[in-house]
Amino acid sequence: MAKKYTRRYGYQRKLTLPVFLGAVLLVVGLIVFLLSLGGLSDTTPVAQSDADNSIDKQAFIAEIVPVAKEMQASHGIMPSIILAQAILESDWGTSELSAKYNNLFGIKSFSSNDHSVKLETKEYKDGKWETIKANFKVYASWSDCIRDHTLLFVQGVDWDPYLYQGVLLADDYQTAAKALQVAGYATDPGYAEKLVSLIKEYNLDQYDQ
């Protein structure tokens, strides 16, 4: 009887091992499946966030296109340049200067008659970036700021009324962007390149037609 019992025990052990391995594989597979679901769940909000971000950018463009077209009709400045500068200078209207004071272009104030605010800004000087404080104009609306920005190009500055004529007379946005940098609108050595990149990425030249 003892001999038969031993043989029966060995037979049961042979059956139990495959069952055990199968259970382990099933648990591992279940864990992998749950982790994959978690991964999909994590990526969904990111995709949604990207979509929302894209919608916000298009809304910003749509809001200022009408007045940009108005400036093109009255003074000949390309809307793509206005839009690209507004995007770059204001970070899509989210900077403190644009959100609180409606200054989309970082336009500085040099007159005591201006409504202005003093804020920190960065300028490129002697081969490096440095933080300074400067007076910036305050506007009642983005539209008012865009109109004043265009008048700066049309009227120039006290020491050179023709400083921005190259921007107004340019036949394409690449030439206009380079003219802005040559005129010294910004100290950033890559300013023209950044404007051109924005115009291409968001197809802003479609508004020049």
Protein backbone atom coordinates (compact mmCIF):
# COMPACT_ATOMS: atom_id res chain seq x y z
CA MET A 1 0.00 0.00 0.00
CA ALA A 2 2.85 2.36 0.81
CA LYS A 3 4.27 1.79 -2.64
CA LYS A 4 0.99 2.64 -4.35
CA TYR A 5 0.59 5.78 -2.23
CA THR A 6 4.02 7.02 -3.28
CA ARG A 7 3.29 6.53 -6.98
CA ARG A 8 -0.04 8.33 -6.67
CA TYR A 9 1.65 11.29 -4.92
CA GLY A 10 4.22 11.57 -7.72
CA TYR A 11 1.45 11.64 -10.33
CA GLN A 12 -0.36 14.47 -8.53
CA ARG A 13 2.85 16.54 -8.34
CA LYS A 14 3.28 16.22 -12.10
CA LEU A 15 -0.20 17.62 -12.61
CA THR A 16 0.24 20.46 -10.08
CA LEU A 17 3.41 21.98 -11.62
CA PRO A 18 1.87 22.93 -14.98
CA VAL A 19 -1.17 24.34 -13.21
CA PHE A 20 1.08 26.44 -10.97
CA LEU A 21 3.11 27.77 -13.91
CA GLY A 22 -0.10 28.58 -15.78
CA ALA A 23 -1.38 30.56 -12.82
CA VAL A 24 1.87 32.52 -12.61
CA LEU A 25 1.74 33.37 -16.30
CA LEU A 26 -1.89 34.43 -15.96
CA VAL A 27 -1.05 36.80 -13.07
CA VAL A 28 1.94 38.26 -14.96
CA GLY A 29 -0.21 38.80 -18.03
CA LEU A 30 -2.88 40.50 -15.96
CA ILE A 31 -0.31 42.84 -14.39
CA VAL A 32 1.12 43.74 -17.81
CA PHE A 33 -2.39 44.43 -19.12
CA LEU A 34 -3.24 46.69 -16.18
CA LEU A 35 0.04 48.58 -16.56
CA SER A 36 -0.68 49.15 -20.24
CA LEU A 37 -4.08 50.58 -19.34
CA GLY A 38 -2.39 52.88 -16.85
CA GLY A 39 0.01 54.04 -19.54
CA LEU A 40 -2.84 54.87 -21.87
CA SER A 41 -4.61 56.71 -19.10
CA ASP A 42 -1.50 58.80 -18.41
CA THR A 43 -1.06 59.84 -22.02
CA THR A 44 -4.68 60.86 -22.61
CA PRO A 45 -4.56 64.10 -20.54
CA VAL A 46 -1.34 65.10 -22.29
CA ALA A 47 -2.96 64.73 -25.70
CA GLN A 48 -5.96 66.70 -24.49
CA SER A 49 -3.69 69.38 -23.07
CA ASP A 50 -1.90 69.68 -26.43
CA ALA A 51 -5.26 70.07 -28.17
CA ASP A 52 -6.37 72.75 -25.71
CA ASN A 53 -3.04 74.54 -26.16
CA SER A 54 -3.49 74.52 -29.93
CA ILE A 55 -7.01 75.93 -29.58
CA ASP A 56 -5.74 78.74 -27.33
CA LYS A 57 -3.07 79.69 -29.85
CA GLN A 58 -5.54 79.79 -32.70
CA ALA A 59 -7.86 81.92 -30.58
CA PHE A 60 -5.03 84.37 -29.92
CA ILE A 61 -4.26 84.62 -33.63
CA ALA A 62 -7.92 85.02 -34.54
CA GLU A 63 -8.35 87.83 -32.02
CA ILE A 64 -5.64 90.06 -33.45
CA VAL A 65 -5.89 89.23 -37.16
CA PRO A 66 -8.65 91.81 -37.88
CA VAL A 67 -6.66 94.78 -36.57
CA ALA A 68 -3.49 93.41 -38.21
CA LYS A 69 -5.33 93.37 -41.54
CA GLU A 70 -6.52 96.90 -40.81
CA MET A 71 -2.91 98.03 -40.37
CA GLN A 72 -1.98 96.34 -43.63
CA ALA A 73 -4.72 98.21 -45.50
CA SER A 74 -3.84 101.59 -43.99
CA HIS A 75 -0.04 101.42 -43.73
CA GLY A 76 1.18 98.43 -45.73
CA ILE A 77 2.71 96.42 -42.87
CA MET A 78 2.44 92.66 -43.25
CA PRO A 79 0.04 90.97 -40.80
CA SER A 80 2.45 88.03 -40.53
CA ILE A 81 5.07 90.32 -39.00
CA ILE A 82 2.56 91.83 -36.55
CA LEU A 83 1.34 88.38 -35.53
CA ALA A 84 4.82 86.86 -35.19
CA GLN A 85 6.06 89.77 -33.09
CA ALA A 86 2.98 89.64 -30.87
CA ILE A 87 3.44 85.89 -30.34
CA LEU A 88 7.16 86.16 -29.62
CA GLU A 89 7.10 89.27 -27.46
CA SER A 90 4.01 88.36 -25.39
CA ASP A 91 4.31 84.57 -25.32
CA TRP A 92 0.87 84.22 -26.87
CA GLY A 93 -0.59 87.00 -24.71
CA THR A 94 0.36 85.32 -21.43
CA SER A 95 3.21 87.59 -20.32
CA GLU A 96 2.54 90.02 -17.48
CA LEU A 97 3.09 92.99 -19.77
CA SER A 98 0.51 91.78 -22.30
CA ALA A 99 -2.02 90.21 -19.93
CA LYS A 100 -2.13 93.06 -17.40
CA TYR A 101 -1.06 96.07 -19.44
CA ASN A 102 -2.08 95.11 -23.01
CA ASN A 103 1.44 95.69 -24.34
CA LEU A 104 1.96 92.88 -26.85
CA PHE A 105 5.27 94.03 -28.29
CA GLY A 106 7.41 95.13 -25.35
CA ILE A 107 7.06 98.76 -26.45
CA LYS A 108 9.05 100.96 -24.11
CA SER A 109 8.05 104.39 -22.88
CA PHE A 110 10.42 107.33 -23.24
CA SER A 111 7.97 110.12 -22.41
CA SER A 112 6.58 111.32 -19.10
CA ASN A 113 3.25 111.81 -20.88
CA ASP A 114 2.85 108.08 -21.49
CA HIS A 115 0.88 105.82 -19.20
CA SER A 116 3.64 103.42 -18.29
CA VAL A 117 4.79 100.75 -15.86
CA LYS A 118 8.31 99.75 -14.80
CA LEU A 119 9.07 96.05 -15.20
CA GLU A 120 12.07 93.76 -15.43
CA THR A 121 13.16 92.62 -18.87
CA LYS A 122 16.10 90.80 -20.42
CA GLU A 123 18.39 92.36 -23.02
CA TYR A 124 21.33 90.94 -24.90
CA LYS A 125 24.39 93.09 -24.35
CA ASP A 126 28.13 92.48 -24.78
CA GLY A 127 27.55 88.86 -25.74
CA LYS A 128 25.32 87.90 -22.81
CA TRP A 129 21.80 88.28 -21.45
CA GLU A 130 21.24 90.62 -18.54
CA THR A 131 18.16 91.64 -16.55
CA ILE A 132 17.27 95.33 -16.42
CA LYS A 133 14.30 97.46 -15.41
CA ALA A 134 12.59 99.60 -18.03
CA ASN A 135 9.44 101.66 -18.50
CA PHE A 136 6.86 100.09 -20.79
CA LYS A 137 3.74 101.64 -22.28
CA VAL A 138 0.34 100.66 -20.91
CA TYR A 139 -2.58 100.32 -23.35
CA ALA A 140 -6.35 100.13 -22.98
CA SER A 141 -6.53 97.14 -25.34
CA TRP A 142 -4.47 94.91 -27.61
CA SER A 143 -5.95 96.71 -30.61
CA ASP A 144 -4.67 100.06 -29.34
CA CYS A 145 -1.25 98.52 -28.84
CA ILE A 146 -1.15 97.12 -32.39
CA ARG A 147 -2.09 100.51 -33.85
CA ASP A 148 0.63 102.25 -31.84
CA HIS A 149 3.11 99.56 -32.85
CA THR A 150 2.36 100.24 -36.51
CA LEU A 151 2.69 103.99 -36.03
CA LEU A 152 6.16 103.38 -34.62
CA PHE A 153 7.12 101.81 -37.95
CA VAL A 154 5.44 104.57 -39.94
CA GLN A 155 6.76 107.55 -37.96
CA GLY A 156 10.05 106.11 -36.79
CA VAL A 157 11.75 107.56 -33.72
CA ASP A 158 12.92 111.07 -32.81
CA TRP A 159 16.50 110.44 -33.93
CA ASP A 160 15.53 108.62 -37.15
CA PRO A 161 12.01 108.93 -38.66
CA TYR A 162 12.94 106.40 -41.37
CA LEU A 163 14.31 103.74 -39.03
CA TYR A 164 11.66 101.14 -39.92
CA GLN A 165 11.07 101.99 -43.57
CA GLY A 166 12.67 98.69 -44.53
CA VAL A 167 9.89 96.86 -42.68
CA LEU A 168 7.13 98.78 -44.46
CA LEU A 169 8.71 98.49 -47.92
CA ALA A 170 9.64 94.78 -47.69
CA ASP A 171 8.16 92.49 -50.36
CA ASP A 172 8.18 89.40 -48.15
CA TYR A 173 8.18 88.58 -44.45
CA GLN A 174 11.78 87.29 -44.46
CA THR A 175 13.02 90.68 -45.66
CA ALA A 176 10.76 92.49 -43.19
CA ALA A 177 12.03 90.37 -40.29
CA LYS A 178 15.66 91.09 -41.21
CA ALA A 179 14.86 94.81 -41.51
CA LEU A 180 13.44 94.74 -37.98
CA GLN A 181 16.65 93.25 -36.63
CA VAL A 182 18.89 95.65 -38.58
CA ALA A 183 16.85 98.57 -37.22
CA GLY A 184 17.54 97.33 -33.72
CA TYR A 185 13.96 96.65 -32.66
CA ALA A 186 15.26 93.94 -30.32
CA THR A 187 18.71 93.12 -28.93
CA ASP A 188 18.24 89.37 -29.45
CA PRO A 189 20.72 88.33 -32.19
CA GLY A 190 18.32 85.60 -33.32
CA TYR A 191 15.26 87.85 -33.47
CA ALA A 192 14.64 87.73 -37.24
CA GLU A 193 15.18 83.97 -37.35
CA LYS A 194 12.64 83.44 -34.54
CA LEU A 195 10.02 85.58 -36.32
CA VAL A 196 10.48 83.69 -39.59
CA SER A 197 10.25 80.35 -37.75
CA LEU A 198 6.94 81.35 -36.13
CA ILE A 199 5.50 82.55 -39.43
CA LYS A 200 6.36 79.25 -41.09
CA GLU A 201 5.19 77.04 -38.23
CA TYR A 202 1.77 78.68 -37.91
CA ASN A 203 1.32 79.61 -41.58
CA LEU A 204 0.96 83.28 -40.66
CA ASP A 205 1.80 84.50 -44.16
CA GLN A 206 -1.68 83.39 -45.26
CA TYR A 207 -2.92 86.66 -43.73
CA ASP A 208 -0.61 88.71 -45.95
CA GLN A 209 -2.74 87.90 -49.01
